[in-house]
Amino acid sequence: MAAASPEPMILRVVQPDQARKFKLSSRPASVDALINILKEQLDIDLDFDLLYEDPDFDGKLTSLNDIEELPQKAVVHISLSQDSSSSSLLSDVSSPECLSRWPTGPFPVPTFDFDVEVELRDGNAEYEKNHTPLKVTRDLKHDILEKLASTIYGFKAYPSDEDIAMAAEALVAKHPCLKEAGSETGWNGWKCNLKFKMGNYRIKMRRAGCQEVLHRRV
């Protein structure tokens, strides 16, 4: 009797700023194997854990510790590890390609493209009157994060967790309409998004031949 063929898996993978559908020909051998597949497919340059929507608990998020726990059709969420910033050992190393030293005062939030600045200006005015946060579209979030990542990279290719928090805090301080309702700080989500963006930005620079990240790949 012929052995049964491997059953494919269908996953919806949720990141802080997007969600994507993946079809796997078979179940990965382990959770680590699945993480490695997602790192490669999503170009993620950070360590992360996986949570899944557990059907036994009405879809509540549960840490994925055993690959056999994952249904054949599942929604998994990427959760950054506490030490996910690859700069933990590298952030204080001098960088020959950086344009300037990391600022000692508040992070200098850059000027965004004209249409982004107009949207933020109007959003800030509305927030000042009614404390209504801006509804951030996917395109707007992308433009903001891309510009912030470029600015951070001008100081450090591998910013520390504290550096990224500093940039996220400064962003919301300058543009209060971006403050996150229900967040203890108002900018934790931006910090998480920015971590992912920095990882992707380093990959882009590495592919462009940037020596700073070619020599420090971790």
C-alpha atoms as a PDB file:
ATOM      1  CA  MET A   1       0.000   0.000   0.000  1.00  0.00           C
ATOM      2  CA  ALA A   2       1.421   3.372  -1.050  1.00  0.00           C
ATOM      3  CA  ALA A   3       2.237   5.845   1.688  1.00  0.00           C
ATOM      4  CA  ALA A   4      -0.113   8.795   1.968  1.00  0.00           C
ATOM      5  CA  SER A   5       1.210  11.935   0.340  1.00  0.00           C
ATOM      6  CA  PRO A   6       2.043  14.855   2.665  1.00  0.00           C
ATOM      7  CA  GLU A   7      -0.913  17.110   3.337  1.00  0.00           C
ATOM      8  CA  PRO A   8      -0.275  20.743   2.343  1.00  0.00           C
ATOM      9  CA  MET A   9      -0.620  23.599   4.808  1.00  0.00           C
ATOM     10  CA  ILE A  10      -2.223  26.980   4.189  1.00  0.00           C
ATOM     11  CA  LEU A  11      -1.064  29.779   6.465  1.00  0.00           C
ATOM     12  CA  ARG A  12      -2.058  33.388   6.893  1.00  0.00           C
ATOM     13  CA  VAL A  13       1.030  35.072   8.322  1.00  0.00           C
ATOM     14  CA  VAL A  14       0.356  38.329  10.165  1.00  0.00           C
ATOM     15  CA  GLN A  15       3.126  40.906  10.573  1.00  0.00           C
ATOM     16  CA  PRO A  16       2.735  44.302  12.251  1.00  0.00           C
ATOM     17  CA  ASP A  17       2.153  46.066   8.930  1.00  0.00           C
ATOM     18  CA  GLN A  18       0.807  43.380   6.609  1.00  0.00           C
ATOM     19  CA  ALA A  19      -0.645  39.883   6.299  1.00  0.00           C
ATOM     20  CA  ARG A  20       0.261  37.338   3.634  1.00  0.00           C
ATOM     21  CA  LYS A  21      -1.005  33.955   2.539  1.00  0.00           C
ATOM     22  CA  PHE A  22       1.401  31.032   2.188  1.00  0.00           C
ATOM     23  CA  LYS A  23       0.907  27.528   0.849  1.00  0.00           C
ATOM     24  CA  LEU A  24       3.375  24.914   2.072  1.00  0.00           C
ATOM     25  CA  SER A  25       3.626  21.551   0.339  1.00  0.00           C
ATOM     26  CA  SER A  26       3.904  19.794   3.699  1.00  0.00           C
ATOM     27  CA  ARG A  27       4.125  20.459   7.416  1.00  0.00           C
ATOM     28  CA  PRO A  28       7.605  21.727   8.417  1.00  0.00           C
ATOM     29  CA  ALA A  29       9.618  19.398  10.629  1.00  0.00           C
ATOM     30  CA  SER A  30       9.641  21.828  13.554  1.00  0.00           C
ATOM     31  CA  VAL A  31       8.678  25.309  14.685  1.00  0.00           C
ATOM     32  CA  ASP A  32      12.245  26.449  14.017  1.00  0.00           C
ATOM     33  CA  ALA A  33      12.003  25.078  10.476  1.00  0.00           C
ATOM     34  CA  LEU A  34       8.811  27.077   9.910  1.00  0.00           C
ATOM     35  CA  ILE A  35      10.458  30.210  11.304  1.00  0.00           C
ATOM     36  CA  ASN A  36      13.391  29.762   8.912  1.00  0.00           C
ATOM     37  CA  ILE A  37      10.995  29.367   5.973  1.00  0.00           C
ATOM     38  CA  LEU A  38       9.178  32.571   6.928  1.00  0.00           C
ATOM     39  CA  LYS A  39      12.430  34.478   7.432  1.00  0.00           C
ATOM     40  CA  GLU A  40      13.469  33.563   3.904  1.00  0.00           C
ATOM     41  CA  GLN A  41      10.094  34.158   2.268  1.00  0.00           C
ATOM     42  CA  LEU A  42       9.425  37.448   4.060  1.00  0.00           C
ATOM     43  CA  ASP A  43      13.014  38.760   4.036  1.00  0.00           C
ATOM     44  CA  ILE A  44      13.007  39.225   7.811  1.00  0.00           C
ATOM     45  CA  ASP A  45      16.381  40.017   9.358  1.00  0.00           C
ATOM     46  CA  LEU A  46      15.215  39.625  12.963  1.00  0.00           C
ATOM     47  CA  ASP A  47      14.599  36.821  15.436  1.00  0.00           C
ATOM     48  CA  PHE A  48      10.953  36.201  16.245  1.00  0.00           C
ATOM     49  CA  ASP A  49       8.539  33.774  17.861  1.00  0.00           C
ATOM     50  CA  LEU A  50       5.260  32.518  16.459  1.00  0.00           C
ATOM     51  CA  LEU A  51       1.777  32.696  17.942  1.00  0.00           C
ATOM     52  CA  TYR A  52      -1.234  31.016  16.378  1.00  0.00           C
ATOM     53  CA  GLU A  53      -4.979  31.501  16.632  1.00  0.00           C
ATOM     54  CA  ASP A  54      -5.936  28.444  18.664  1.00  0.00           C
ATOM     55  CA  PRO A  55      -9.284  26.941  17.566  1.00  0.00           C
ATOM     56  CA  ASP A  56      -9.591  25.211  20.956  1.00  0.00           C
ATOM     57  CA  PHE A  57      -9.838  28.638  22.615  1.00  0.00           C
ATOM     58  CA  ASP A  58     -12.019  30.580  20.169  1.00  0.00           C
ATOM     59  CA  GLY A  59      -9.044  31.831  18.166  1.00  0.00           C
ATOM     60  CA  LYS A  60      -7.141  33.322  21.086  1.00  0.00           C
ATOM     61  CA  LEU A  61      -3.418  33.700  20.455  1.00  0.00           C
ATOM     62  CA  THR A  62      -1.271  30.875  21.812  1.00  0.00           C
ATOM     63  CA  SER A  63       2.502  30.426  21.665  1.00  0.00           C
ATOM     64  CA  LEU A  64       3.506  27.872  19.044  1.00  0.00           C
ATOM     65  CA  ASN A  65       5.888  25.471  20.779  1.00  0.00           C
ATOM     66  CA  ASP A  66       5.099  22.255  18.908  1.00  0.00           C
ATOM     67  CA  ILE A  67       4.584  22.217  15.137  1.00  0.00           C
ATOM     68  CA  GLU A  68       1.972  19.460  15.538  1.00  0.00           C
ATOM     69  CA  GLU A  69      -0.267  21.919  17.413  1.00  0.00           C
ATOM     70  CA  LEU A  70      -0.702  23.979  14.249  1.00  0.00           C
ATOM     71  CA  PRO A  71      -3.831  23.211  12.193  1.00  0.00           C
ATOM     72  CA  GLN A  72      -3.387  22.497   8.466  1.00  0.00           C
ATOM     73  CA  LYS A  73      -5.113  25.812   7.779  1.00  0.00           C
ATOM     74  CA  ALA A  74      -4.019  28.372  10.343  1.00  0.00           C
ATOM     75  CA  VAL A  75      -3.363  32.008  11.141  1.00  0.00           C
ATOM     76  CA  VAL A  76       0.050  32.661  12.680  1.00  0.00           C
ATOM     77  CA  HIS A  77       1.308  35.929  14.123  1.00  0.00           C
ATOM     78  CA  ILE A  78       4.937  37.015  14.147  1.00  0.00           C
ATOM     79  CA  SER A  79       6.075  38.253  17.560  1.00  0.00           C
ATOM     80  CA  LEU A  80       9.474  39.876  17.884  1.00  0.00           C
ATOM     81  CA  SER A  81      11.784  38.254  20.407  1.00  0.00           C
ATOM     82  CA  GLN A  82      13.040  40.458  23.242  1.00  0.00           C
ATOM     83  CA  ASP A  83      16.571  40.246  21.830  1.00  0.00           C
ATOM     84  CA  SER A  84      15.411  40.520  18.235  1.00  0.00           C
ATOM     85  CA  SER A  85      17.355  43.677  17.569  1.00  0.00           C
ATOM     86  CA  SER A  86      20.462  42.269  15.919  1.00  0.00           C
ATOM     87  CA  SER A  87      22.242  45.332  17.175  1.00  0.00           C
ATOM     88  CA  SER A  88      22.432  44.034  20.738  1.00  0.00           C
ATOM     89  CA  LEU A  89      26.108  43.275  20.266  1.00  0.00           C
ATOM     90  CA  LEU A  90      26.828  45.594  17.372  1.00  0.00           C
ATOM     91  CA  SER A  91      25.075  48.885  17.989  1.00  0.00           C
ATOM     92  CA  ASP A  92      28.008  50.526  19.745  1.00  0.00           C
ATOM     93  CA  VAL A  93      30.557  49.535  17.105  1.00  0.00           C
ATOM     94  CA  SER A  94      31.726  52.470  15.029  1.00  0.00           C
ATOM     95  CA  SER A  95      30.318  52.547  11.511  1.00  0.00           C
ATOM     96  CA  PRO A  96      32.462  53.892   8.665  1.00  0.00           C
ATOM     97  CA  GLU A  97      29.455  54.439   6.405  1.00  0.00           C
ATOM     98  CA  CYS A  98      27.287  56.350   8.844  1.00  0.00           C
ATOM     99  CA  LEU A  99      26.795  60.014   8.118  1.00  0.00           C
ATOM    100  CA  SER A 100      26.805  61.237  11.701  1.00  0.00           C
ATOM    101  CA  ARG A 101      26.676  60.183  15.342  1.00  0.00           C
ATOM    102  CA  TRP A 102      23.439  59.100  16.949  1.00  0.00           C
ATOM    103  CA  PRO A 103      21.717  62.217  18.330  1.00  0.00           C
ATOM    104  CA  THR A 104      22.100  62.871  22.039  1.00  0.00           C
ATOM    105  CA  GLY A 105      18.802  64.752  22.260  1.00  0.00           C
ATOM    106  CA  PRO A 106      15.394  63.930  20.769  1.00  0.00           C
ATOM    107  CA  PHE A 107      15.485  61.939  17.542  1.00  0.00           C
ATOM    108  CA  PRO A 108      15.255  64.261  14.504  1.00  0.00           C
ATOM    109  CA  VAL A 109      12.052  63.172  12.791  1.00  0.00           C
ATOM    110  CA  PRO A 110      12.557  63.779   9.053  1.00  0.00           C
ATOM    111  CA  THR A 111      10.370  65.805   6.744  1.00  0.00           C
ATOM    112  CA  PHE A 112       8.250  63.390   4.752  1.00  0.00           C
ATOM    113  CA  ASP A 113       7.073  63.654   1.162  1.00  0.00           C
ATOM    114  CA  PHE A 114       4.717  66.555   0.482  1.00  0.00           C
ATOM    115  CA  ASP A 115       1.489  64.535   0.408  1.00  0.00           C
ATOM    116  CA  VAL A 116       2.446  62.751   3.631  1.00  0.00           C
ATOM    117  CA  GLU A 117       3.235  66.042   5.356  1.00  0.00           C
ATOM    118  CA  VAL A 118      -0.125  67.463   4.266  1.00  0.00           C
ATOM    119  CA  GLU A 119      -1.975  64.435   5.641  1.00  0.00           C
ATOM    120  CA  LEU A 120      -0.077  64.618   8.925  1.00  0.00           C
ATOM    121  CA  ARG A 121      -0.631  68.367   9.222  1.00  0.00           C
ATOM    122  CA  ASP A 122      -4.384  67.930   8.769  1.00  0.00           C
ATOM    123  CA  GLY A 123      -4.368  64.956  11.127  1.00  0.00           C
ATOM    124  CA  ASN A 124      -2.538  66.912  13.811  1.00  0.00           C
ATOM    125  CA  ALA A 125      -5.024  69.773  13.508  1.00  0.00           C
ATOM    126  CA  GLU A 126      -7.947  67.363  13.916  1.00  0.00           C
ATOM    127  CA  TYR A 127      -6.251  65.658  16.862  1.00  0.00           C
ATOM    128  CA  GLU A 128      -5.682  68.997  18.579  1.00  0.00           C
ATOM    129  CA  LYS A 129      -9.383  69.834  18.300  1.00  0.00           C
ATOM    130  CA  ASN A 130     -11.025  66.478  18.982  1.00  0.00           C
ATOM    131  CA  HIS A 131      -8.256  64.100  20.096  1.00  0.00           C
ATOM    132  CA  THR A 132      -9.190  61.880  17.164  1.00  0.00           C
ATOM    133  CA  PRO A 133      -6.199  59.869  15.922  1.00  0.00           C
ATOM    134  CA  LEU A 134      -5.496  59.676  12.225  1.00  0.00           C
ATOM    135  CA  LYS A 135      -6.627  56.546  10.402  1.00  0.00           C
ATOM    136  CA  VAL A 136      -3.278  55.425   9.020  1.00  0.00           C
ATOM    137  CA  THR A 137      -3.567  53.670   5.675  1.00  0.00           C
ATOM    138  CA  ARG A 138      -1.138  50.978   4.618  1.00  0.00           C
ATOM    139  CA  ASP A 139       0.465  53.309   2.053  1.00  0.00           C
ATOM    140  CA  LEU A 140       0.861  56.109   4.580  1.00  0.00           C
ATOM    141  CA  LYS A 141       2.425  53.755   7.127  1.00  0.00           C
ATOM    142  CA  HIS A 142       4.819  52.439   4.475  1.00  0.00           C
ATOM    143  CA  ASP A 143       5.942  55.950   3.496  1.00  0.00           C
ATOM    144  CA  ILE A 144       6.466  56.997   7.120  1.00  0.00           C
ATOM    145  CA  LEU A 145       8.414  53.869   8.064  1.00  0.00           C
ATOM    146  CA  GLU A 146      10.544  53.935   4.918  1.00  0.00           C
ATOM    147  CA  LYS A 147      11.626  57.526   5.557  1.00  0.00           C
ATOM    148  CA  LEU A 148      12.277  56.845   9.240  1.00  0.00           C
ATOM    149  CA  ALA A 149      14.331  53.748   8.420  1.00  0.00           C
ATOM    150  CA  SER A 150      16.418  55.721   5.944  1.00  0.00           C
ATOM    151  CA  THR A 151      17.030  58.420   8.547  1.00  0.00           C
ATOM    152  CA  ILE A 152      17.963  55.908  11.245  1.00  0.00           C
ATOM    153  CA  TYR A 153      20.285  54.123   8.833  1.00  0.00           C
ATOM    154  CA  GLY A 154      22.091  57.422   8.338  1.00  0.00           C
ATOM    155  CA  PHE A 155      23.107  57.133  11.985  1.00  0.00           C
ATOM    156  CA  LYS A 156      23.276  53.366  12.539  1.00  0.00           C
ATOM    157  CA  ALA A 157      22.707  50.307  10.400  1.00  0.00           C
ATOM    158  CA  TYR A 158      22.039  48.332  13.576  1.00  0.00           C
ATOM    159  CA  PRO A 159      20.156  50.568  16.037  1.00  0.00           C
ATOM    160  CA  SER A 160      19.488  49.230  19.515  1.00  0.00           C
ATOM    161  CA  ASP A 161      16.031  48.624  20.920  1.00  0.00           C
ATOM    162  CA  GLU A 162      16.361  51.891  22.844  1.00  0.00           C
ATOM    163  CA  ASP A 163      17.326  53.747  19.660  1.00  0.00           C
ATOM    164  CA  ILE A 164      14.242  52.517  17.839  1.00  0.00           C
ATOM    165  CA  ALA A 165      12.042  53.398  20.812  1.00  0.00           C
ATOM    166  CA  MET A 166      13.556  56.884  20.786  1.00  0.00           C
ATOM    167  CA  ALA A 167      12.647  57.325  17.106  1.00  0.00           C
ATOM    168  CA  ALA A 168       9.095  56.022  17.590  1.00  0.00           C
ATOM    169  CA  GLU A 169       8.538  58.278  20.592  1.00  0.00           C
ATOM    170  CA  ALA A 170       9.813  61.307  18.680  1.00  0.00           C
ATOM    171  CA  LEU A 171       7.535  60.502  15.729  1.00  0.00           C
ATOM    172  CA  VAL A 172       4.411  60.531  17.894  1.00  0.00           C
ATOM    173  CA  ALA A 173       5.586  63.603  19.810  1.00  0.00           C
ATOM    174  CA  LYS A 174       5.932  65.537  16.543  1.00  0.00           C
ATOM    175  CA  HIS A 175       2.778  64.093  15.005  1.00  0.00           C
ATOM    176  CA  PRO A 176       0.340  63.358  17.872  1.00  0.00           C
ATOM    177  CA  CYS A 177      -2.310  62.249  15.384  1.00  0.00           C
ATOM    178  CA  LEU A 178      -0.247  59.034  15.052  1.00  0.00           C
ATOM    179  CA  LYS A 179      -0.654  58.213  18.746  1.00  0.00           C
ATOM    180  CA  GLU A 180      -2.076  54.731  19.241  1.00  0.00           C
ATOM    181  CA  ALA A 181      -5.277  54.532  21.236  1.00  0.00           C
ATOM    182  CA  GLY A 182      -5.103  52.024  24.066  1.00  0.00           C
ATOM    183  CA  SER A 183      -1.322  51.860  24.011  1.00  0.00           C
ATOM    184  CA  GLU A 184       0.490  52.538  27.265  1.00  0.00           C
ATOM    185  CA  THR A 185       3.062  54.720  25.519  1.00  0.00           C
ATOM    186  CA  GLY A 186       1.141  55.633  22.384  1.00  0.00           C
ATOM    187  CA  TRP A 187       4.013  54.479  20.170  1.00  0.00           C
ATOM    188  CA  ASN A 188       4.718  50.798  20.950  1.00  0.00           C
ATOM    189  CA  GLY A 189       3.169  49.696  17.672  1.00  0.00           C
ATOM    190  CA  TRP A 190       5.316  52.152  15.726  1.00  0.00           C
ATOM    191  CA  LYS A 191       8.375  50.805  17.507  1.00  0.00           C
ATOM    192  CA  CYS A 192       7.499  47.237  16.512  1.00  0.00           C
ATOM    193  CA  ASN A 193       6.796  48.249  12.916  1.00  0.00           C
ATOM    194  CA  LEU A 194      10.047  50.172  12.783  1.00  0.00           C
ATOM    195  CA  LYS A 195      12.021  47.142  13.975  1.00  0.00           C
ATOM    196  CA  PHE A 196      10.667  45.126  11.071  1.00  0.00           C
ATOM    197  CA  LYS A 197      11.271  47.956   8.636  1.00  0.00           C
ATOM    198  CA  MET A 198      14.899  48.303   9.741  1.00  0.00           C
ATOM    199  CA  GLY A 199      15.444  44.587   9.176  1.00  0.00           C
ATOM    200  CA  ASN A 200      13.994  44.835   5.683  1.00  0.00           C
ATOM    201  CA  TYR A 201      15.921  48.037   4.994  1.00  0.00           C
ATOM    202  CA  ARG A 202      19.209  46.325   5.879  1.00  0.00           C
ATOM    203  CA  ILE A 203      18.380  43.510   3.472  1.00  0.00           C
ATOM    204  CA  LYS A 204      17.729  46.067   0.736  1.00  0.00           C
ATOM    205  CA  MET A 205      21.029  47.801   1.437  1.00  0.00           C
ATOM    206  CA  ARG A 206      22.861  44.467   1.572  1.00  0.00           C
ATOM    207  CA  ARG A 207      21.523  43.565  -1.863  1.00  0.00           C
ATOM    208  CA  ALA A 208      22.698  46.947  -3.094  1.00  0.00           C
ATOM    209  CA  GLY A 209      26.217  46.015  -1.945  1.00  0.00           C
ATOM    210  CA  CYS A 210      26.398  48.151   1.193  1.00  0.00           C
ATOM    211  CA  GLN A 211      29.553  47.115   3.049  1.00  0.00           C
ATOM    212  CA  GLU A 212      28.118  48.089   6.452  1.00  0.00           C
ATOM    213  CA  VAL A 213      25.609  45.246   6.378  1.00  0.00           C
ATOM    214  CA  LEU A 214      27.567  42.849   4.179  1.00  0.00           C
ATOM    215  CA  HIS A 215      30.262  42.636   6.861  1.00  0.00           C
ATOM    216  CA  ARG A 216      27.834  42.379   9.793  1.00  0.00           C
ATOM    217  CA  ARG A 217      25.291  39.881   8.627  1.00  0.00           C
ATOM    218  CA  VAL A 218      24.018  37.931  11.632  1.00  0.00           C
END
